[in-house]
Amino acid sequence: MISRLATFIDEFRREEDAQIVIEFMVMFPLIFTLFMTSVEMGIYSFRQVFLDRGLDMAVREIRLSTGEIHTHDEIKERVCAYAGFLDNCDQTLRLEMTPINVRGFSGLAEEADCIDLSATPEPPRLFAPGSDHQLMVLRACVKIDPVFPTTGLGRHFAKDGAGKVQMIATSAFVQEPQ
C-alpha cells in the first residue's frame, strides 16, 4: 500500500500536463481580489467626490443667502440634490453644523454624527445656525453600502449594525451679517 502511494506521488511529481492549472488556482484568487479591491476603491472615491461637491454647493448657497436661517432638513435636501450619485441620501445623510472658536479651533466633536439604520433614530446632535461673523463648520455623514462587502477593501471597512459604511465630508464658512 505504501509502495503504491509512493509510486503515485512520484508519477504526479514528474507529470507536467496540469502545471498551468495549479498556477492558475494559486494566482486567480489573488488577482481577482486585487481587481475587486480596485473597483471598490474607485466607486468609494467617486461617491466621496459627489458628497464633497454636494456639500460645497449647499454651503455656497448658505453663504450667498445672508439673513436666512436654514434648517437641517433644508440643507440636507440641497446636499442630496447636488450630490446626485448617493443612494438613499435622504434617509442616510446626517448634517452637523457647529460654530467654531477661531482662537482655539474648538467646538467640533471628535466623531461625526452619523445615522445607524439598525438602531432607533435620534435627532441630529449639533445643528446651530450661528451668529454674524462666526466661523461655522458643516460636516456631513452619509451611510453607503459597499459594492463587495465580504471581499477585499469592502471587508475591511468599519460597518455599522446594518452593514453600511460611513463617508464624511466637511466644509467651513463664515456666517455673513444680515
N, C-alpha and C. Protein backbone atom coordinates (compact mmCIF):
# COMPACT_ATOMS: atom_id res chain seq x y z
N MET A 1 0.83 -1.19 0.00
CA MET A 1 0.00 0.00 0.00
C MET A 1 0.87 1.26 0.00
N ILE A 2 1.88 1.26 0.84
CA ILE A 2 2.76 2.42 0.90
C ILE A 2 3.56 2.54 -0.40
N SER A 3 3.92 1.42 -0.97
CA SER A 3 4.69 1.49 -2.22
C SER A 3 3.83 2.04 -3.35
N ARG A 4 2.53 1.72 -3.37
CA ARG A 4 1.65 2.27 -4.40
C ARG A 4 1.47 3.77 -4.22
N LEU A 5 1.35 4.21 -2.97
CA LEU A 5 1.23 5.64 -2.69
C LEU A 5 2.51 6.37 -3.08
N ALA A 6 3.65 5.79 -2.79
CA ALA A 6 4.93 6.41 -3.17
C ALA A 6 5.06 6.46 -4.68
N THR A 7 4.63 5.42 -5.38
CA THR A 7 4.67 5.41 -6.84
C THR A 7 3.75 6.50 -7.41
N PHE A 8 2.55 6.64 -6.84
CA PHE A 8 1.60 7.66 -7.31
C PHE A 8 2.18 9.06 -7.11
N ILE A 9 2.75 9.32 -5.97
CA ILE A 9 3.33 10.65 -5.69
C ILE A 9 4.50 10.92 -6.63
N ASP A 10 5.32 9.91 -6.88
CA ASP A 10 6.46 10.07 -7.77
C ASP A 10 6.00 10.38 -9.19
N GLU A 11 4.97 9.67 -9.67
CA GLU A 11 4.44 9.93 -11.01
C GLU A 11 3.79 11.32 -11.09
N PHE A 12 3.08 11.69 -10.03
CA PHE A 12 2.42 13.01 -10.00
C PHE A 12 3.46 14.13 -10.05
N ARG A 13 4.57 13.93 -9.38
CA ARG A 13 5.62 14.94 -9.34
C ARG A 13 6.27 15.12 -10.70
N ARG A 14 6.43 14.04 -11.46
CA ARG A 14 7.07 14.10 -12.77
C ARG A 14 6.12 14.59 -13.87
N GLU A 15 4.84 14.45 -13.64
CA GLU A 15 3.85 14.81 -14.66
C GLU A 15 3.81 16.33 -14.84
N GLU A 16 3.72 16.80 -16.10
CA GLU A 16 3.71 18.23 -16.38
C GLU A 16 2.45 18.67 -17.13
N ASP A 17 1.48 17.80 -17.27
CA ASP A 17 0.29 18.12 -18.06
C ASP A 17 -0.56 19.23 -17.43
N ALA A 18 -0.78 19.22 -16.14
CA ALA A 18 -1.69 20.16 -15.48
C ALA A 18 -0.95 21.25 -14.72
N GLN A 19 0.24 21.55 -15.13
CA GLN A 19 1.05 22.53 -14.42
C GLN A 19 0.41 23.92 -14.43
N ILE A 20 -0.16 24.33 -15.54
CA ILE A 20 -0.76 25.66 -15.64
C ILE A 20 -2.01 25.77 -14.78
N VAL A 21 -2.72 24.66 -14.59
CA VAL A 21 -3.92 24.68 -13.76
C VAL A 21 -3.57 24.99 -12.31
N ILE A 22 -2.48 24.44 -11.83
CA ILE A 22 -2.06 24.70 -10.45
C ILE A 22 -1.67 26.16 -10.28
N GLU A 23 -0.92 26.70 -11.23
CA GLU A 23 -0.55 28.12 -11.16
C GLU A 23 -1.80 29.01 -11.20
N PHE A 24 -2.75 28.64 -12.05
CA PHE A 24 -3.99 29.40 -12.14
C PHE A 24 -4.75 29.36 -10.82
N MET A 25 -4.84 28.20 -10.20
CA MET A 25 -5.57 28.06 -8.94
C MET A 25 -4.91 28.85 -7.81
N VAL A 26 -3.63 29.03 -7.89
CA VAL A 26 -2.93 29.81 -6.85
C VAL A 26 -3.06 31.30 -7.11
N MET A 27 -2.91 31.72 -8.36
CA MET A 27 -2.85 33.14 -8.67
C MET A 27 -4.22 33.79 -8.89
N PHE A 28 -5.22 33.05 -9.35
CA PHE A 28 -6.51 33.64 -9.68
C PHE A 28 -7.18 34.33 -8.48
N PRO A 29 -7.25 33.70 -7.30
CA PRO A 29 -7.88 34.41 -6.17
C PRO A 29 -7.16 35.70 -5.80
N LEU A 30 -5.84 35.71 -5.90
CA LEU A 30 -5.10 36.93 -5.57
C LEU A 30 -5.38 38.05 -6.57
N ILE A 31 -5.37 37.73 -7.84
CA ILE A 31 -5.61 38.74 -8.87
C ILE A 31 -7.06 39.21 -8.82
N PHE A 32 -7.99 38.30 -8.61
CA PHE A 32 -9.40 38.67 -8.57
C PHE A 32 -9.70 39.55 -7.34
N THR A 33 -9.08 39.25 -6.20
CA THR A 33 -9.25 40.09 -5.01
C THR A 33 -8.68 41.48 -5.25
N LEU A 34 -7.54 41.56 -5.90
CA LEU A 34 -6.97 42.87 -6.24
C LEU A 34 -7.89 43.66 -7.17
N PHE A 35 -8.48 42.98 -8.14
CA PHE A 35 -9.43 43.62 -9.06
C PHE A 35 -10.65 44.14 -8.29
N MET A 36 -11.23 43.33 -7.42
CA MET A 36 -12.42 43.74 -6.68
C MET A 36 -12.10 44.89 -5.72
N THR A 37 -10.90 44.88 -5.15
CA THR A 37 -10.49 45.97 -4.27
C THR A 37 -10.37 47.28 -5.05
N SER A 38 -9.82 47.21 -6.25
CA SER A 38 -9.68 48.44 -7.04
C SER A 38 -11.04 48.97 -7.49
N VAL A 39 -11.98 48.09 -7.81
CA VAL A 39 -13.33 48.54 -8.17
C VAL A 39 -13.99 49.19 -6.96
N GLU A 40 -13.88 48.57 -5.79
CA GLU A 40 -14.46 49.12 -4.55
C GLU A 40 -13.88 50.51 -4.25
N MET A 41 -12.58 50.65 -4.37
CA MET A 41 -11.93 51.93 -4.08
C MET A 41 -12.35 52.99 -5.10
N GLY A 42 -12.47 52.61 -6.35
CA GLY A 42 -12.91 53.57 -7.37
C GLY A 42 -14.32 54.08 -7.13
N ILE A 43 -15.24 53.18 -6.80
CA ILE A 43 -16.63 53.59 -6.55
C ILE A 43 -16.73 54.39 -5.26
N TYR A 44 -15.96 54.02 -4.23
CA TYR A 44 -15.95 54.78 -2.98
C TYR A 44 -15.43 56.20 -3.23
N SER A 45 -14.36 56.33 -4.00
CA SER A 45 -13.81 57.65 -4.32
C SER A 45 -14.80 58.48 -5.14
N PHE A 46 -15.47 57.83 -6.06
CA PHE A 46 -16.48 58.51 -6.88
C PHE A 46 -17.60 59.07 -6.00
N ARG A 47 -18.08 58.25 -5.06
CA ARG A 47 -19.13 58.71 -4.14
C ARG A 47 -18.63 59.82 -3.23
N GLN A 48 -17.37 59.74 -2.80
CA GLN A 48 -16.81 60.78 -1.93
C GLN A 48 -16.74 62.11 -2.67
N VAL A 49 -16.37 62.09 -3.93
CA VAL A 49 -16.31 63.32 -4.73
C VAL A 49 -17.70 63.93 -4.85
N PHE A 50 -18.71 63.10 -5.08
CA PHE A 50 -20.07 63.63 -5.20
C PHE A 50 -20.58 64.17 -3.87
N LEU A 51 -20.23 63.54 -2.76
CA LEU A 51 -20.63 64.08 -1.46
C LEU A 51 -19.96 65.42 -1.20
N ASP A 52 -18.67 65.52 -1.49
CA ASP A 52 -17.95 66.79 -1.32
C ASP A 52 -18.55 67.88 -2.20
N ARG A 53 -18.88 67.54 -3.44
CA ARG A 53 -19.49 68.52 -4.34
C ARG A 53 -20.84 68.98 -3.82
N GLY A 54 -21.67 68.05 -3.39
CA GLY A 54 -22.99 68.40 -2.87
C GLY A 54 -22.91 69.31 -1.66
N LEU A 55 -21.97 69.00 -0.76
CA LEU A 55 -21.82 69.82 0.44
C LEU A 55 -21.28 71.20 0.08
N ASP A 56 -20.31 71.28 -0.81
CA ASP A 56 -19.75 72.58 -1.21
C ASP A 56 -20.79 73.47 -1.90
N MET A 57 -21.61 72.87 -2.75
CA MET A 57 -22.65 73.66 -3.43
C MET A 57 -23.71 74.15 -2.43
N ALA A 58 -24.06 73.31 -1.46
CA ALA A 58 -25.04 73.74 -0.45
C ALA A 58 -24.46 74.85 0.43
N VAL A 59 -23.20 74.73 0.80
CA VAL A 59 -22.56 75.77 1.61
C VAL A 59 -22.47 77.07 0.83
N ARG A 60 -22.24 77.00 -0.46
CA ARG A 60 -22.21 78.21 -1.28
C ARG A 60 -23.56 78.90 -1.25
N GLU A 61 -24.64 78.13 -1.33
CA GLU A 61 -25.98 78.72 -1.25
C GLU A 61 -26.23 79.36 0.11
N ILE A 62 -25.76 78.73 1.17
CA ILE A 62 -25.94 79.29 2.52
C ILE A 62 -25.20 80.62 2.63
N ARG A 63 -23.97 80.65 2.10
CA ARG A 63 -23.19 81.89 2.19
C ARG A 63 -23.82 83.02 1.39
N LEU A 64 -24.41 82.70 0.25
CA LEU A 64 -24.99 83.74 -0.60
C LEU A 64 -26.35 84.21 -0.12
N SER A 65 -27.05 83.42 0.66
CA SER A 65 -28.38 83.82 1.14
C SER A 65 -28.26 84.32 2.57
N THR A 66 -27.68 85.50 2.71
CA THR A 66 -27.49 86.07 4.04
C THR A 66 -28.84 86.48 4.63
N GLY A 67 -28.94 86.37 5.92
CA GLY A 67 -30.15 86.77 6.61
C GLY A 67 -31.17 85.66 6.76
N GLU A 68 -30.96 84.52 6.13
CA GLU A 68 -31.90 83.41 6.25
C GLU A 68 -31.36 82.38 7.23
N ILE A 69 -32.27 81.83 7.99
CA ILE A 69 -31.91 80.73 8.89
C ILE A 69 -32.28 79.43 8.17
N HIS A 70 -31.29 78.57 7.99
CA HIS A 70 -31.50 77.31 7.28
C HIS A 70 -31.64 76.17 8.29
N THR A 71 -32.60 75.30 8.03
CA THR A 71 -32.81 74.15 8.91
C THR A 71 -32.01 72.96 8.40
N HIS A 72 -31.91 71.97 9.27
CA HIS A 72 -31.21 70.74 8.94
C HIS A 72 -31.81 70.09 7.69
N ASP A 73 -33.13 70.01 7.64
CA ASP A 73 -33.79 69.34 6.51
C ASP A 73 -33.62 70.09 5.19
N GLU A 74 -33.62 71.43 5.24
CA GLU A 74 -33.41 72.22 4.01
C GLU A 74 -32.02 71.98 3.44
N ILE A 75 -31.02 72.04 4.30
CA ILE A 75 -29.64 71.84 3.83
C ILE A 75 -29.45 70.41 3.37
N LYS A 76 -30.06 69.48 4.07
CA LYS A 76 -29.97 68.06 3.70
C LYS A 76 -30.54 67.84 2.30
N GLU A 77 -31.69 68.45 2.01
CA GLU A 77 -32.29 68.33 0.68
C GLU A 77 -31.36 68.89 -0.40
N ARG A 78 -30.74 70.03 -0.11
CA ARG A 78 -29.85 70.65 -1.08
C ARG A 78 -28.61 69.78 -1.33
N VAL A 79 -28.01 69.26 -0.25
CA VAL A 79 -26.83 68.41 -0.41
C VAL A 79 -27.18 67.18 -1.24
N CYS A 80 -28.30 66.55 -0.94
CA CYS A 80 -28.70 65.35 -1.69
C CYS A 80 -29.01 65.68 -3.14
N ALA A 81 -29.60 66.85 -3.39
CA ALA A 81 -29.91 67.23 -4.77
C ALA A 81 -28.63 67.48 -5.57
N TYR A 82 -27.64 68.10 -4.96
CA TYR A 82 -26.40 68.37 -5.66
C TYR A 82 -25.50 67.14 -5.74
N ALA A 83 -25.58 66.25 -4.77
CA ALA A 83 -24.69 65.08 -4.75
C ALA A 83 -25.05 64.10 -5.86
N GLY A 84 -26.32 63.80 -6.02
CA GLY A 84 -26.76 63.02 -7.16
C GLY A 84 -26.48 61.54 -7.13
N PHE A 85 -25.28 61.09 -6.90
CA PHE A 85 -24.91 59.69 -7.07
C PHE A 85 -25.02 58.88 -5.78
N LEU A 86 -25.48 59.47 -4.70
CA LEU A 86 -25.55 58.76 -3.42
C LEU A 86 -26.90 58.08 -3.26
N ASP A 87 -26.90 56.77 -3.07
CA ASP A 87 -28.13 56.01 -2.90
C ASP A 87 -28.74 56.31 -1.53
N ASN A 88 -30.05 56.48 -1.49
CA ASN A 88 -30.80 56.73 -0.25
C ASN A 88 -30.20 57.88 0.56
N CYS A 89 -29.79 58.91 -0.13
CA CYS A 89 -29.16 60.06 0.54
C CYS A 89 -30.12 60.70 1.53
N ASP A 90 -31.39 60.83 1.16
CA ASP A 90 -32.36 61.48 2.04
C ASP A 90 -32.60 60.70 3.33
N GLN A 91 -32.32 59.40 3.36
CA GLN A 91 -32.52 58.60 4.58
C GLN A 91 -31.24 58.39 5.37
N THR A 92 -30.08 58.47 4.72
CA THR A 92 -28.83 58.14 5.42
C THR A 92 -27.91 59.32 5.67
N LEU A 93 -28.27 60.51 5.21
CA LEU A 93 -27.42 61.68 5.40
C LEU A 93 -27.77 62.37 6.71
N ARG A 94 -26.75 62.73 7.47
CA ARG A 94 -26.93 63.49 8.70
C ARG A 94 -25.93 64.63 8.67
N LEU A 95 -26.41 65.84 8.97
CA LEU A 95 -25.57 67.03 8.98
C LEU A 95 -25.31 67.48 10.41
N GLU A 96 -24.19 68.14 10.56
CA GLU A 96 -23.80 68.67 11.86
C GLU A 96 -23.17 70.05 11.59
N MET A 97 -23.83 71.12 12.08
CA MET A 97 -23.32 72.48 11.88
C MET A 97 -22.98 73.06 13.23
N THR A 98 -21.74 73.49 13.37
CA THR A 98 -21.23 73.92 14.67
C THR A 98 -20.43 75.21 14.52
N PRO A 99 -20.67 76.18 15.42
CA PRO A 99 -19.78 77.35 15.44
C PRO A 99 -18.43 76.94 16.06
N ILE A 100 -17.36 77.50 15.52
CA ILE A 100 -16.02 77.13 15.95
C ILE A 100 -15.34 78.35 16.58
N ASN A 101 -14.66 78.11 17.68
CA ASN A 101 -13.84 79.14 18.30
C ASN A 101 -12.59 79.31 17.45
N VAL A 102 -12.40 80.50 16.88
CA VAL A 102 -11.30 80.73 15.95
C VAL A 102 -9.95 80.68 16.65
N ARG A 103 -9.88 81.09 17.87
CA ARG A 103 -8.61 81.13 18.58
C ARG A 103 -8.08 79.75 18.95
N GLY A 104 -8.96 78.87 19.37
CA GLY A 104 -8.51 77.54 19.78
C GLY A 104 -8.99 76.43 18.87
N PHE A 105 -9.74 76.77 17.85
CA PHE A 105 -10.36 75.82 16.93
C PHE A 105 -11.02 74.68 17.71
N SER A 106 -11.88 75.08 18.62
CA SER A 106 -12.59 74.08 19.43
C SER A 106 -14.09 74.21 19.16
N GLY A 107 -14.79 73.15 19.49
CA GLY A 107 -16.23 73.15 19.32
C GLY A 107 -16.73 72.02 18.46
N LEU A 108 -15.85 71.37 17.71
CA LEU A 108 -16.24 70.27 16.85
C LEU A 108 -16.00 68.95 17.57
N ALA A 109 -16.98 68.08 17.55
CA ALA A 109 -16.86 66.78 18.21
C ALA A 109 -15.84 65.91 17.47
N GLU A 110 -15.23 64.98 18.20
CA GLU A 110 -14.23 64.08 17.61
C GLU A 110 -14.82 63.26 16.48
N GLU A 111 -15.93 62.58 16.74
CA GLU A 111 -16.54 61.71 15.73
C GLU A 111 -17.72 62.42 15.10
N ALA A 112 -17.92 62.13 13.83
CA ALA A 112 -19.05 62.72 13.11
C ALA A 112 -20.35 62.09 13.58
N ASP A 113 -21.41 62.86 13.50
CA ASP A 113 -22.74 62.40 13.88
C ASP A 113 -23.33 61.67 12.68
N CYS A 114 -23.41 60.35 12.77
CA CYS A 114 -23.90 59.53 11.66
C CYS A 114 -25.15 58.77 12.07
N ILE A 115 -25.93 58.39 11.09
CA ILE A 115 -27.15 57.60 11.32
C ILE A 115 -26.78 56.13 11.36
N ASP A 116 -27.34 55.41 12.31
CA ASP A 116 -27.22 53.95 12.34
C ASP A 116 -28.60 53.39 12.08
N LEU A 117 -28.79 52.83 10.90
CA LEU A 117 -30.11 52.36 10.50
C LEU A 117 -30.58 51.15 11.30
N SER A 118 -29.65 50.49 11.99
CA SER A 118 -30.04 49.32 12.77
C SER A 118 -30.51 49.71 14.17
N ALA A 119 -30.32 50.96 14.56
CA ALA A 119 -30.73 51.44 15.89
C ALA A 119 -31.93 52.38 15.74
N THR A 120 -32.50 52.76 16.88
CA THR A 120 -33.62 53.70 16.85
C THR A 120 -33.11 55.08 16.41
N PRO A 121 -33.85 55.78 15.56
CA PRO A 121 -33.38 57.08 15.07
C PRO A 121 -33.33 58.13 16.18
N GLU A 122 -32.31 58.95 16.13
CA GLU A 122 -32.12 60.03 17.08
C GLU A 122 -32.04 61.34 16.31
N PRO A 123 -32.39 62.46 16.96
CA PRO A 123 -32.26 63.76 16.27
C PRO A 123 -30.78 64.11 16.07
N PRO A 124 -30.50 65.02 15.14
CA PRO A 124 -29.10 65.43 14.93
C PRO A 124 -28.49 65.96 16.23
N ARG A 125 -27.23 65.65 16.44
CA ARG A 125 -26.54 66.01 17.68
C ARG A 125 -26.33 67.51 17.79
N LEU A 126 -25.68 68.12 16.82
CA LEU A 126 -25.37 69.55 16.86
C LEU A 126 -25.82 70.19 15.55
N PHE A 127 -26.67 71.19 15.66
CA PHE A 127 -27.05 71.95 14.48
C PHE A 127 -27.42 73.35 14.94
N ALA A 128 -26.43 74.23 14.99
CA ALA A 128 -26.63 75.61 15.43
C ALA A 128 -26.40 76.55 14.25
N PRO A 129 -27.34 77.44 13.97
CA PRO A 129 -27.19 78.32 12.81
C PRO A 129 -26.06 79.34 12.95
N GLY A 130 -25.66 79.70 14.15
CA GLY A 130 -24.56 80.65 14.33
C GLY A 130 -25.02 82.08 14.26
N SER A 131 -24.11 82.99 14.61
CA SER A 131 -24.41 84.42 14.59
C SER A 131 -23.50 85.10 13.56
N ASP A 132 -23.66 86.43 13.43
CA ASP A 132 -22.90 87.18 12.43
C ASP A 132 -21.39 87.05 12.64
N HIS A 133 -20.66 86.93 11.55
CA HIS A 133 -19.20 86.87 11.52
C HIS A 133 -18.64 85.66 12.28
N GLN A 134 -19.37 84.63 12.40
CA GLN A 134 -18.93 83.46 13.14
C GLN A 134 -18.49 82.36 12.17
N LEU A 135 -17.36 81.73 12.50
CA LEU A 135 -16.87 80.63 11.69
C LEU A 135 -17.70 79.39 11.98
N MET A 136 -18.25 78.80 10.93
CA MET A 136 -19.11 77.62 11.06
C MET A 136 -18.48 76.45 10.32
N VAL A 137 -18.60 75.27 10.90
CA VAL A 137 -18.17 74.04 10.23
C VAL A 137 -19.41 73.19 10.00
N LEU A 138 -19.60 72.79 8.77
CA LEU A 138 -20.71 71.93 8.40
C LEU A 138 -20.12 70.58 8.00
N ARG A 139 -20.50 69.55 8.74
CA ARG A 139 -19.98 68.21 8.47
C ARG A 139 -21.14 67.31 8.08
N ALA A 140 -20.95 66.56 7.00
CA ALA A 140 -21.98 65.65 6.50
C ALA A 140 -21.47 64.22 6.63
N CYS A 141 -22.34 63.35 7.09
CA CYS A 141 -22.02 61.93 7.19
C CYS A 141 -23.13 61.17 6.49
N VAL A 142 -22.76 60.37 5.52
CA VAL A 142 -23.74 59.57 4.78
C VAL A 142 -23.32 58.10 4.90
N LYS A 143 -24.30 57.23 4.93
CA LYS A 143 -24.04 55.80 5.00
C LYS A 143 -24.27 55.19 3.63
N ILE A 144 -23.33 54.36 3.20
CA ILE A 144 -23.42 53.71 1.89
C ILE A 144 -23.20 52.21 2.05
N ASP A 145 -23.64 51.48 1.06
CA ASP A 145 -23.39 50.04 1.00
C ASP A 145 -22.12 49.80 0.22
N PRO A 146 -21.19 48.98 0.75
CA PRO A 146 -20.02 48.63 -0.06
C PRO A 146 -20.44 47.75 -1.24
N VAL A 147 -19.71 47.83 -2.33
CA VAL A 147 -20.03 47.05 -3.52
C VAL A 147 -19.77 45.57 -3.27
N PHE A 148 -18.61 45.26 -2.70
CA PHE A 148 -18.25 43.89 -2.35
C PHE A 148 -18.01 43.83 -0.84
N PRO A 149 -19.04 43.65 -0.02
CA PRO A 149 -18.89 43.77 1.43
C PRO A 149 -18.06 42.67 2.09
N THR A 150 -17.85 41.55 1.41
CA THR A 150 -17.14 40.44 2.06
C THR A 150 -15.76 40.19 1.48
N THR A 151 -15.33 40.99 0.52
CA THR A 151 -14.07 40.72 -0.16
C THR A 151 -13.24 41.98 -0.27
N GLY A 152 -11.95 41.85 -0.19
CA GLY A 152 -11.02 42.94 -0.43
C GLY A 152 -11.24 44.12 0.51
N LEU A 153 -11.32 45.31 -0.06
CA LEU A 153 -11.46 46.53 0.72
C LEU A 153 -12.80 46.59 1.45
N GLY A 154 -13.86 46.09 0.83
CA GLY A 154 -15.18 46.10 1.46
C GLY A 154 -15.22 45.32 2.76
N ARG A 155 -14.39 44.30 2.89
CA ARG A 155 -14.34 43.51 4.12
C ARG A 155 -13.67 44.29 5.25
N HIS A 156 -12.77 45.21 4.91
CA HIS A 156 -12.00 45.93 5.93
C HIS A 156 -12.62 47.26 6.35
N PHE A 157 -13.68 47.70 5.70
CA PHE A 157 -14.38 48.92 6.12
C PHE A 157 -15.01 48.69 7.48
N ALA A 158 -15.07 49.74 8.29
CA ALA A 158 -15.81 49.68 9.56
C ALA A 158 -17.29 49.84 9.24
N LYS A 159 -18.08 48.84 9.61
CA LYS A 159 -19.51 48.84 9.28
C LYS A 159 -20.34 48.99 10.54
N ASP A 160 -21.55 49.56 10.37
CA ASP A 160 -22.48 49.65 11.50
C ASP A 160 -23.32 48.37 11.56
N GLY A 161 -24.34 48.37 12.39
CA GLY A 161 -25.18 47.20 12.57
C GLY A 161 -25.95 46.79 11.32
N ALA A 162 -26.19 47.74 10.41
CA ALA A 162 -26.91 47.44 9.18
C ALA A 162 -25.96 47.07 8.03
N GLY A 163 -24.66 47.03 8.30
CA GLY A 163 -23.68 46.67 7.27
C GLY A 163 -23.31 47.82 6.36
N LYS A 164 -23.59 49.05 6.79
CA LYS A 164 -23.29 50.23 5.97
C LYS A 164 -21.98 50.87 6.43
N VAL A 165 -21.34 51.56 5.50
CA VAL A 165 -20.06 52.23 5.72
C VAL A 165 -20.30 53.73 5.74
N GLN A 166 -19.63 54.45 6.63
CA GLN A 166 -19.83 55.90 6.69
C GLN A 166 -18.82 56.62 5.81
N MET A 167 -19.29 57.73 5.24
CA MET A 167 -18.47 58.60 4.43
C MET A 167 -18.70 60.02 4.94
N ILE A 168 -17.64 60.75 5.18
CA ILE A 168 -17.74 62.07 5.82
C ILE A 168 -17.13 63.14 4.92
N ALA A 169 -17.81 64.29 4.86
CA ALA A 169 -17.30 65.47 4.15
C ALA A 169 -17.46 66.66 5.09
N THR A 170 -16.50 67.57 5.03
CA THR A 170 -16.51 68.74 5.92
C THR A 170 -16.29 70.00 5.10
N SER A 171 -17.00 71.06 5.48
CA SER A 171 -16.83 72.35 4.83
C SER A 171 -16.96 73.44 5.89
N ALA A 172 -16.26 74.52 5.70
CA ALA A 172 -16.31 75.63 6.65
C ALA A 172 -16.67 76.92 5.91
N PHE A 173 -17.34 77.80 6.63
CA PHE A 173 -17.73 79.10 6.05
C PHE A 173 -17.92 80.08 7.20
N VAL A 174 -17.97 81.36 6.85
CA VAL A 174 -18.22 82.40 7.84
C VAL A 174 -19.65 82.88 7.67
N GLN A 175 -20.37 82.91 8.75
CA GLN A 175 -21.76 83.36 8.73
C GLN A 175 -21.77 84.86 8.47
N GLU A 176 -22.31 85.25 7.35
CA GLU A 176 -22.34 86.66 6.95
C GLU A 176 -23.39 87.42 7.74
N PRO A 177 -23.16 88.72 7.98
CA PRO A 177 -24.16 89.51 8.69
C PRO A 177 -25.39 89.74 7.83
N GLN A 178 -26.50 90.02 8.51
CA GLN A 178 -27.77 90.23 7.79
C GLN A 178 -27.85 91.59 7.15
